[in-house]
Amino acid sequence: MYNNAKEKETAIKKLYKLKQTSSAMMYMTKFQSLLVQVKWNEKALIAQYKKRLKSKVLNVLVFAKDPKNIKKLINKVVRIDNRIY
């Protein structure tokens, strides 16, 4: 039980530090590997995911309809990122 709590705490810290520095695919892969360890609701996941995107991606994303879940957001971000780069 202690290990699970420690792993969750570590994953949360990594999520807070994680940011998009390369492709959206790389960011998505790292983000998804961490989100399975935390038990956040959709709104929290979406907020954290958006928070650390590259500014060029965010500038385009702001004009898109807000996705209802993290999976839809990730797919949209990957498409935007691929289009920009």
PDB file of N, CA and C in Angstrom:
ATOM      1  N   MET A   1       0.822  -1.192   0.000  1.00  0.00           N
ATOM      2  CA  MET A   1       0.000   0.000   0.000  1.00  0.00           C
ATOM      3  C   MET A   1       0.866   1.256   0.000  1.00  0.00           C
ATOM      4  N   TYR A   2       1.936   1.243   0.805  1.00  0.00           N
ATOM      5  CA  TYR A   2       2.836   2.395   0.862  1.00  0.00           C
ATOM      6  C   TYR A   2       3.487   2.638  -0.494  1.00  0.00           C
ATOM      7  N   ASN A   3       3.904   1.554  -1.165  1.00  0.00           N
ATOM      8  CA  ASN A   3       4.536   1.692  -2.479  1.00  0.00           C
ATOM      9  C   ASN A   3       3.584   2.309  -3.487  1.00  0.00           C
ATOM     10  N   ASN A   4       2.303   1.908  -3.457  1.00  0.00           N
ATOM     11  CA  ASN A   4       1.317   2.471  -4.380  1.00  0.00           C
ATOM     12  C   ASN A   4       1.163   3.981  -4.173  1.00  0.00           C
ATOM     13  N   ALA A   5       1.115   4.396  -2.918  1.00  0.00           N
ATOM     14  CA  ALA A   5       0.979   5.822  -2.612  1.00  0.00           C
ATOM     15  C   ALA A   5       2.224   6.581  -3.060  1.00  0.00           C
ATOM     16  N   LYS A   6       3.383   5.995  -2.844  1.00  0.00           N
ATOM     17  CA  LYS A   6       4.650   6.617  -3.246  1.00  0.00           C
ATOM     18  C   LYS A   6       4.743   6.715  -4.767  1.00  0.00           C
ATOM     19  N   GLU A   7       4.327   5.661  -5.470  1.00  0.00           N
ATOM     20  CA  GLU A   7       4.338   5.662  -6.932  1.00  0.00           C
ATOM     21  C   GLU A   7       3.379   6.715  -7.485  1.00  0.00           C
ATOM     22  N   LYS A   8       2.207   6.817  -6.863  1.00  0.00           N
ATOM     23  CA  LYS A   8       1.224   7.810  -7.291  1.00  0.00           C
ATOM     24  C   LYS A   8       1.779   9.220  -7.082  1.00  0.00           C
ATOM     25  N   GLU A   9       2.384   9.465  -5.943  1.00  0.00           N
ATOM     26  CA  GLU A   9       2.962  10.772  -5.639  1.00  0.00           C
ATOM     27  C   GLU A   9       4.071  11.120  -6.638  1.00  0.00           C
ATOM     28  N   THR A  10       4.894  10.145  -6.970  1.00  0.00           N
ATOM     29  CA  THR A  10       5.963  10.348  -7.948  1.00  0.00           C
ATOM     30  C   THR A  10       5.387  10.658  -9.323  1.00  0.00           C
ATOM     31  N   ALA A  11       4.346   9.938  -9.715  1.00  0.00           N
ATOM     32  CA  ALA A  11       3.704  10.167 -11.014  1.00  0.00           C
ATOM     33  C   ALA A  11       3.095  11.565 -11.074  1.00  0.00           C
ATOM     34  N   ILE A  12       2.480  12.007  -9.998  1.00  0.00           N
ATOM     35  CA  ILE A  12       1.884  13.345  -9.946  1.00  0.00           C
ATOM     36  C   ILE A  12       2.969  14.413 -10.110  1.00  0.00           C
ATOM     37  N   LYS A  13       4.084  14.245  -9.424  1.00  0.00           N
ATOM     38  CA  LYS A  13       5.189  15.207  -9.543  1.00  0.00           C
ATOM     39  C   LYS A  13       5.708  15.250 -10.977  1.00  0.00           C
ATOM     40  N   LYS A  14       5.814  14.091 -11.592  1.00  0.00           N
ATOM     41  CA  LYS A  14       6.282  14.030 -12.977  1.00  0.00           C
ATOM     42  C   LYS A  14       5.282  14.679 -13.924  1.00  0.00           C
ATOM     43  N   LEU A  15       3.989  14.497 -13.666  1.00  0.00           N
ATOM     44  CA  LEU A  15       2.961  15.140 -14.496  1.00  0.00           C
ATOM     45  C   LEU A  15       3.057  16.658 -14.402  1.00  0.00           C
ATOM     46  N   TYR A  16       3.278  17.164 -13.190  1.00  0.00           N
ATOM     47  CA  TYR A  16       3.388  18.612 -13.007  1.00  0.00           C
ATOM     48  C   TYR A  16       4.598  19.186 -13.740  1.00  0.00           C
ATOM     49  N   LYS A  17       5.670  18.410 -13.848  1.00  0.00           N
ATOM     50  CA  LYS A  17       6.892  18.875 -14.502  1.00  0.00           C
ATOM     51  C   LYS A  17       6.897  18.633 -16.010  1.00  0.00           C
ATOM     52  N   LEU A  18       6.118  17.668 -16.463  1.00  0.00           N
ATOM     53  CA  LEU A  18       6.118  17.287 -17.869  1.00  0.00           C
ATOM     54  C   LEU A  18       5.613  18.422 -18.749  1.00  0.00           C
ATOM     55  N   LYS A  19       6.330  18.663 -19.844  1.00  0.00           N
ATOM     56  CA  LYS A  19       5.851  19.653 -20.806  1.00  0.00           C
ATOM     57  C   LYS A  19       6.259  19.226 -22.209  1.00  0.00           C
ATOM     58  N   GLN A  20       5.569  19.772 -23.179  1.00  0.00           N
ATOM     59  CA  GLN A  20       5.848  19.438 -24.565  1.00  0.00           C
ATOM     60  C   GLN A  20       7.097  20.183 -25.017  1.00  0.00           C
ATOM     61  N   THR A  21       8.151  19.435 -25.258  1.00  0.00           N
ATOM     62  CA  THR A  21       9.399  20.036 -25.740  1.00  0.00           C
ATOM     63  C   THR A  21       9.724  19.563 -27.155  1.00  0.00           C
ATOM     64  N   SER A  22       9.041  18.507 -27.591  1.00  0.00           N
ATOM     65  CA  SER A  22       9.238  18.011 -28.955  1.00  0.00           C
ATOM     66  C   SER A  22       7.862  17.800 -29.575  1.00  0.00           C
ATOM     67  N   SER A  23       7.654  16.674 -30.201  1.00  0.00           N
ATOM     68  CA  SER A  23       6.371  16.435 -30.863  1.00  0.00           C
ATOM     69  C   SER A  23       5.247  16.170 -29.861  1.00  0.00           C
ATOM     70  N   ALA A  24       4.033  16.392 -30.318  1.00  0.00           N
ATOM     71  CA  ALA A  24       2.862  16.103 -29.491  1.00  0.00           C
ATOM     72  C   ALA A  24       2.755  14.606 -29.232  1.00  0.00           C
ATOM     73  N   MET A  25       3.228  13.797 -30.162  1.00  0.00           N
ATOM     74  CA  MET A  25       3.201  12.338 -29.973  1.00  0.00           C
ATOM     75  C   MET A  25       4.086  11.929 -28.790  1.00  0.00           C
ATOM     76  N   MET A  26       5.249  12.517 -28.696  1.00  0.00           N
ATOM     77  CA  MET A  26       6.156  12.212 -27.575  1.00  0.00           C
ATOM     78  C   MET A  26       5.541  12.668 -26.251  1.00  0.00           C
ATOM     79  N   TYR A  27       4.983  13.878 -26.263  1.00  0.00           N
ATOM     80  CA  TYR A  27       4.336  14.421 -25.063  1.00  0.00           C
ATOM     81  C   TYR A  27       3.168  13.533 -24.649  1.00  0.00           C
ATOM     82  N   MET A  28       2.361  13.136 -25.618  1.00  0.00           N
ATOM     83  CA  MET A  28       1.204  12.280 -25.359  1.00  0.00           C
ATOM     84  C   MET A  28       1.624  10.943 -24.754  1.00  0.00           C
ATOM     85  N   THR A  29       2.665  10.354 -25.293  1.00  0.00           N
ATOM     86  CA  THR A  29       3.142   9.062 -24.795  1.00  0.00           C
ATOM     87  C   THR A  29       3.580   9.165 -23.337  1.00  0.00           C
ATOM     88  N   LYS A  30       4.354  10.177 -23.032  1.00  0.00           N
ATOM     89  CA  LYS A  30       4.825  10.363 -21.650  1.00  0.00           C
ATOM     90  C   LYS A  30       3.657  10.674 -20.714  1.00  0.00           C
ATOM     91  N   PHE A  31       2.745  11.532 -21.176  1.00  0.00           N
ATOM     92  CA  PHE A  31       1.588  11.917 -20.366  1.00  0.00           C
ATOM     93  C   PHE A  31       0.720  10.698 -20.064  1.00  0.00           C
ATOM     94  N   GLN A  32       0.421   9.907 -21.083  1.00  0.00           N
ATOM     95  CA  GLN A  32      -0.435   8.736 -20.893  1.00  0.00           C
ATOM     96  C   GLN A  32       0.214   7.690 -19.981  1.00  0.00           C
ATOM     97  N   SER A  33       1.519   7.561 -20.047  1.00  0.00           N
ATOM     98  CA  SER A  33       2.184   6.590 -19.170  1.00  0.00           C
ATOM     99  C   SER A  33       2.061   6.997 -17.702  1.00  0.00           C
ATOM    100  N   LEU A  34       1.967   8.302 -17.454  1.00  0.00           N
ATOM    101  CA  LEU A  34       1.823   8.790 -16.081  1.00  0.00           C
ATOM    102  C   LEU A  34       0.369   8.817 -15.622  1.00  0.00           C
ATOM    103  N   LEU A  35      -0.548   9.131 -16.526  1.00  0.00           N
ATOM    104  CA  LEU A  35      -1.937   9.285 -16.097  1.00  0.00           C
ATOM    105  C   LEU A  35      -2.564   7.983 -15.620  1.00  0.00           C
ATOM    106  N   VAL A  36      -2.054   6.850 -16.059  1.00  0.00           N
ATOM    107  CA  VAL A  36      -2.600   5.578 -15.580  1.00  0.00           C
ATOM    108  C   VAL A  36      -2.272   5.339 -14.110  1.00  0.00           C
ATOM    109  N   GLN A  37      -1.278   6.061 -13.607  1.00  0.00           N
ATOM    110  CA  GLN A  37      -0.878   5.896 -12.207  1.00  0.00           C
ATOM    111  C   GLN A  37      -1.613   6.833 -11.258  1.00  0.00           C
ATOM    112  N   VAL A  38      -2.259   7.843 -11.824  1.00  0.00           N
ATOM    113  CA  VAL A  38      -3.008   8.794 -10.985  1.00  0.00           C
ATOM    114  C   VAL A  38      -4.494   8.598 -11.213  1.00  0.00           C
ATOM    115  N   LYS A  39      -5.284   9.013 -10.298  1.00  0.00           N
ATOM    116  CA  LYS A  39      -6.739   8.862 -10.407  1.00  0.00           C
ATOM    117  C   LYS A  39      -7.390  10.241 -10.476  1.00  0.00           C
ATOM    118  N   TRP A  40      -7.107  10.967 -11.551  1.00  0.00           N
ATOM    119  CA  TRP A  40      -7.670  12.292 -11.731  1.00  0.00           C
ATOM    120  C   TRP A  40      -8.899  12.210 -12.605  1.00  0.00           C
ATOM    121  N   ASN A  41      -9.804  13.164 -12.430  1.00  0.00           N
ATOM    122  CA  ASN A  41     -10.978  13.218 -13.302  1.00  0.00           C
ATOM    123  C   ASN A  41     -10.603  13.877 -14.631  1.00  0.00           C
ATOM    124  N   GLU A  42     -11.521  13.824 -15.579  1.00  0.00           N
ATOM    125  CA  GLU A  42     -11.259  14.336 -16.935  1.00  0.00           C
ATOM    126  C   GLU A  42     -10.860  15.809 -16.934  1.00  0.00           C
ATOM    127  N   LYS A  43     -11.566  16.623 -16.149  1.00  0.00           N
ATOM    128  CA  LYS A  43     -11.272  18.058 -16.130  1.00  0.00           C
ATOM    129  C   LYS A  43      -9.843  18.330 -15.671  1.00  0.00           C
ATOM    130  N   ALA A  44      -9.404  17.629 -14.655  1.00  0.00           N
ATOM    131  CA  ALA A  44      -8.044  17.814 -14.135  1.00  0.00           C
ATOM    132  C   ALA A  44      -7.001  17.361 -15.159  1.00  0.00           C
ATOM    133  N   LEU A  45      -7.261  16.232 -15.805  1.00  0.00           N
ATOM    134  CA  LEU A  45      -6.337  15.734 -16.832  1.00  0.00           C
ATOM    135  C   LEU A  45      -6.237  16.706 -18.003  1.00  0.00           C
ATOM    136  N   ILE A  46      -7.380  17.193 -18.456  1.00  0.00           N
ATOM    137  CA  ILE A  46      -7.418  18.134 -19.575  1.00  0.00           C
ATOM    138  C   ILE A  46      -6.672  19.419 -19.214  1.00  0.00           C
ATOM    139  N   ALA A  47      -6.923  19.947 -18.045  1.00  0.00           N
ATOM    140  CA  ALA A  47      -6.267  21.181 -17.613  1.00  0.00           C
ATOM    141  C   ALA A  47      -4.751  21.007 -17.553  1.00  0.00           C
ATOM    142  N   GLN A  48      -4.296  19.910 -16.989  1.00  0.00           N
ATOM    143  CA  GLN A  48      -2.863  19.671 -16.878  1.00  0.00           C
ATOM    144  C   GLN A  48      -2.226  19.449 -18.249  1.00  0.00           C
ATOM    145  N   TYR A  49      -2.906  18.726 -19.115  1.00  0.00           N
ATOM    146  CA  TYR A  49      -2.379  18.461 -20.448  1.00  0.00           C
ATOM    147  C   TYR A  49      -2.213  19.758 -21.237  1.00  0.00           C
ATOM    148  N   LYS A  50      -3.226  20.616 -21.194  1.00  0.00           N
ATOM    149  CA  LYS A  50      -3.183  21.882 -21.919  1.00  0.00           C
ATOM    150  C   LYS A  50      -2.115  22.823 -21.356  1.00  0.00           C
ATOM    151  N   LYS A  51      -1.967  22.801 -20.077  1.00  0.00           N
ATOM    152  CA  LYS A  51      -1.100  23.732 -19.365  1.00  0.00           C
ATOM    153  C   LYS A  51       0.343  23.708 -19.871  1.00  0.00           C
ATOM    154  N   ARG A  52       0.786  22.549 -20.331  1.00  0.00           N
ATOM    155  CA  ARG A  52       2.204  22.392 -20.660  1.00  0.00           C
ATOM    156  C   ARG A  52       2.467  22.148 -22.152  1.00  0.00           C
ATOM    157  N   LEU A  53       1.504  22.522 -22.989  1.00  0.00           N
ATOM    158  CA  LEU A  53       1.691  22.410 -24.430  1.00  0.00           C
ATOM    159  C   LEU A  53       2.559  23.554 -24.946  1.00  0.00           C
ATOM    160  N   LYS A  54       3.150  23.358 -26.122  1.00  0.00           N
ATOM    161  CA  LYS A  54       3.894  24.438 -26.766  1.00  0.00           C
ATOM    162  C   LYS A  54       2.935  25.580 -27.074  1.00  0.00           C
ATOM    163  N   SER A  55       3.439  26.784 -27.018  1.00  0.00           N
ATOM    164  CA  SER A  55       2.579  27.951 -27.220  1.00  0.00           C
ATOM    165  C   SER A  55       1.962  27.982 -28.620  1.00  0.00           C
ATOM    166  N   LYS A  56       2.689  27.535 -29.640  1.00  0.00           N
ATOM    167  CA  LYS A  56       2.125  27.522 -30.995  1.00  0.00           C
ATOM    168  C   LYS A  56       0.920  26.596 -31.087  1.00  0.00           C
ATOM    169  N   VAL A  57       0.992  25.473 -30.394  1.00  0.00           N
ATOM    170  CA  VAL A  57      -0.133  24.529 -30.380  1.00  0.00           C
ATOM    171  C   VAL A  57      -1.299  25.131 -29.609  1.00  0.00           C
ATOM    172  N   LEU A  58      -1.020  25.725 -28.479  1.00  0.00           N
ATOM    173  CA  LEU A  58      -2.070  26.368 -27.678  1.00  0.00           C
ATOM    174  C   LEU A  58      -2.762  27.492 -28.436  1.00  0.00           C
ATOM    175  N   ASN A  59      -1.993  28.243 -29.216  1.00  0.00           N
ATOM    176  CA  ASN A  59      -2.569  29.348 -29.983  1.00  0.00           C
ATOM    177  C   ASN A  59      -3.597  28.866 -30.993  1.00  0.00           C
ATOM    178  N   VAL A  60      -3.402  27.695 -31.542  1.00  0.00           N
ATOM    179  CA  VAL A  60      -4.376  27.126 -32.477  1.00  0.00           C
ATOM    180  C   VAL A  60      -5.508  26.451 -31.705  1.00  0.00           C
ATOM    181  N   LEU A  61      -5.167  25.772 -30.644  1.00  0.00           N
ATOM    182  CA  LEU A  61      -6.151  25.034 -29.848  1.00  0.00           C
ATOM    183  C   LEU A  61      -7.217  25.947 -29.253  1.00  0.00           C
ATOM    184  N   VAL A  62      -6.850  27.169 -28.971  1.00  0.00           N
ATOM    185  CA  VAL A  62      -7.792  28.106 -28.369  1.00  0.00           C
ATOM    186  C   VAL A  62      -9.005  28.358 -29.272  1.00  0.00           C
ATOM    187  N   PHE A  63      -8.850  28.166 -30.567  1.00  0.00           N
ATOM    188  CA  PHE A  63      -9.959  28.385 -31.504  1.00  0.00           C
ATOM    189  C   PHE A  63     -10.803  27.135 -31.730  1.00  0.00           C
ATOM    190  N   ALA A  64     -10.373  26.007 -31.190  1.00  0.00           N
ATOM    191  CA  ALA A  64     -11.090  24.744 -31.376  1.00  0.00           C
ATOM    192  C   ALA A  64     -12.134  24.561 -30.272  1.00  0.00           C
ATOM    193  N   LYS A  65     -13.138  23.786 -30.579  1.00  0.00           N
ATOM    194  CA  LYS A  65     -14.160  23.450 -29.592  1.00  0.00           C
ATOM    195  C   LYS A  65     -13.514  22.633 -28.469  1.00  0.00           C
ATOM    196  N   ASP A  66     -13.897  22.933 -27.235  1.00  0.00           N
ATOM    197  CA  ASP A  66     -13.332  22.201 -26.095  1.00  0.00           C
ATOM    198  C   ASP A  66     -13.723  20.732 -26.143  1.00  0.00           C
ATOM    199  N   PRO A  67     -12.746  19.851 -26.097  1.00  0.00           N
ATOM    200  CA  PRO A  67     -13.048  18.409 -26.088  1.00  0.00           C
ATOM    201  C   PRO A  67     -13.642  17.986 -24.755  1.00  0.00           C
ATOM    202  N   LYS A  68     -14.439  16.935 -24.804  1.00  0.00           N
ATOM    203  CA  LYS A  68     -15.123  16.450 -23.599  1.00  0.00           C
ATOM    204  C   LYS A  68     -14.281  15.476 -22.777  1.00  0.00           C
ATOM    205  N   ASN A  69     -13.236  14.920 -23.391  1.00  0.00           N
ATOM    206  CA  ASN A  69     -12.387  13.998 -22.628  1.00  0.00           C
ATOM    207  C   ASN A  69     -10.941  14.110 -23.082  1.00  0.00           C
ATOM    208  N   ILE A  70     -10.053  13.559 -22.305  1.00  0.00           N
ATOM    209  CA  ILE A  70      -8.619  13.671 -22.549  1.00  0.00           C
ATOM    210  C   ILE A  70      -8.219  13.004 -23.859  1.00  0.00           C
ATOM    211  N   LYS A  71      -8.862  11.913 -24.208  1.00  0.00           N
ATOM    212  CA  LYS A  71      -8.519  11.208 -25.448  1.00  0.00           C
ATOM    213  C   LYS A  71      -8.788  12.095 -26.669  1.00  0.00           C
ATOM    214  N   LYS A  72      -9.940  12.771 -26.678  1.00  0.00           N
ATOM    215  CA  LYS A  72     -10.271  13.662 -27.789  1.00  0.00           C
ATOM    216  C   LYS A  72      -9.310  14.849 -27.842  1.00  0.00           C
ATOM    217  N   LEU A  73      -8.952  15.369 -26.685  1.00  0.00           N
ATOM    218  CA  LEU A  73      -7.996  16.481 -26.637  1.00  0.00           C
ATOM    219  C   LEU A  73      -6.646  16.047 -27.204  1.00  0.00           C
ATOM    220  N   ILE A  74      -6.170  14.911 -26.776  1.00  0.00           N
ATOM    221  CA  ILE A  74      -4.879  14.411 -27.244  1.00  0.00           C
ATOM    222  C   ILE A  74      -4.895  14.239 -28.760  1.00  0.00           C
ATOM    223  N   ASN A  75      -5.947  13.641 -29.290  1.00  0.00           N
ATOM    224  CA  ASN A  75      -6.046  13.456 -30.744  1.00  0.00           C
ATOM    225  C   ASN A  75      -6.029  14.799 -31.478  1.00  0.00           C
ATOM    226  N   LYS A  76      -6.742  15.771 -30.946  1.00  0.00           N
ATOM    227  CA  LYS A  76      -6.797  17.099 -31.556  1.00  0.00           C
ATOM    228  C   LYS A  76      -5.430  17.772 -31.518  1.00  0.00           C
ATOM    229  N   VAL A  77      -4.763  17.676 -30.387  1.00  0.00           N
ATOM    230  CA  VAL A  77      -3.440  18.294 -30.230  1.00  0.00           C
ATOM    231  C   VAL A  77      -2.432  17.663 -31.189  1.00  0.00           C
ATOM    232  N   VAL A  78      -2.466  16.359 -31.330  1.00  0.00           N
ATOM    233  CA  VAL A  78      -1.544  15.678 -32.244  1.00  0.00           C
ATOM    234  C   VAL A  78      -1.778  16.149 -33.677  1.00  0.00           C
ATOM    235  N   ARG A  79      -3.041  16.271 -34.067  1.00  0.00           N
ATOM    236  CA  ARG A  79      -3.352  16.771 -35.425  1.00  0.00           C
ATOM    237  C   ARG A  79      -2.852  18.202 -35.615  1.00  0.00           C
ATOM    238  N   ILE A  80      -3.066  19.053 -34.628  1.00  0.00           N
ATOM    239  CA  ILE A  80      -2.617  20.442 -34.698  1.00  0.00           C
ATOM    240  C   ILE A  80      -1.093  20.492 -34.793  1.00  0.00           C
ATOM    241  N   ASP A  81      -0.430  19.757 -33.930  1.00  0.00           N
ATOM    242  CA  ASP A  81       1.020  19.737 -33.898  1.00  0.00           C
ATOM    243  C   ASP A  81       1.599  19.241 -35.212  1.00  0.00           C
ATOM    244  N   ASN A  82       1.027  18.184 -35.759  1.00  0.00           N
ATOM    245  CA  ASN A  82       1.493  17.650 -37.044  1.00  0.00           C
ATOM    246  C   ASN A  82       1.332  18.676 -38.158  1.00  0.00           C
ATOM    247  N   ARG A  83       0.259  19.414 -38.089  1.00  0.00           N
ATOM    248  CA  ARG A  83      -0.015  20.428 -39.114  1.00  0.00           C
ATOM    249  C   ARG A  83       0.979  21.595 -39.013  1.00  0.00           C
ATOM    250  N   ILE A  84       1.294  21.998 -37.787  1.00  0.00           N
ATOM    251  CA  ILE A  84       2.216  23.113 -37.579  1.00  0.00           C
ATOM    252  C   ILE A  84       3.634  22.721 -37.961  1.00  0.00           C
ATOM    253  N   TYR A  85       4.044  21.552 -37.536  1.00  0.00           N
ATOM    254  CA  TYR A  85       5.432  21.127 -37.748  1.00  0.00           C
ATOM    255  C   TYR A  85       5.490  20.122 -38.842  1.00  0.00           C
TER     256      TYR A  85
END
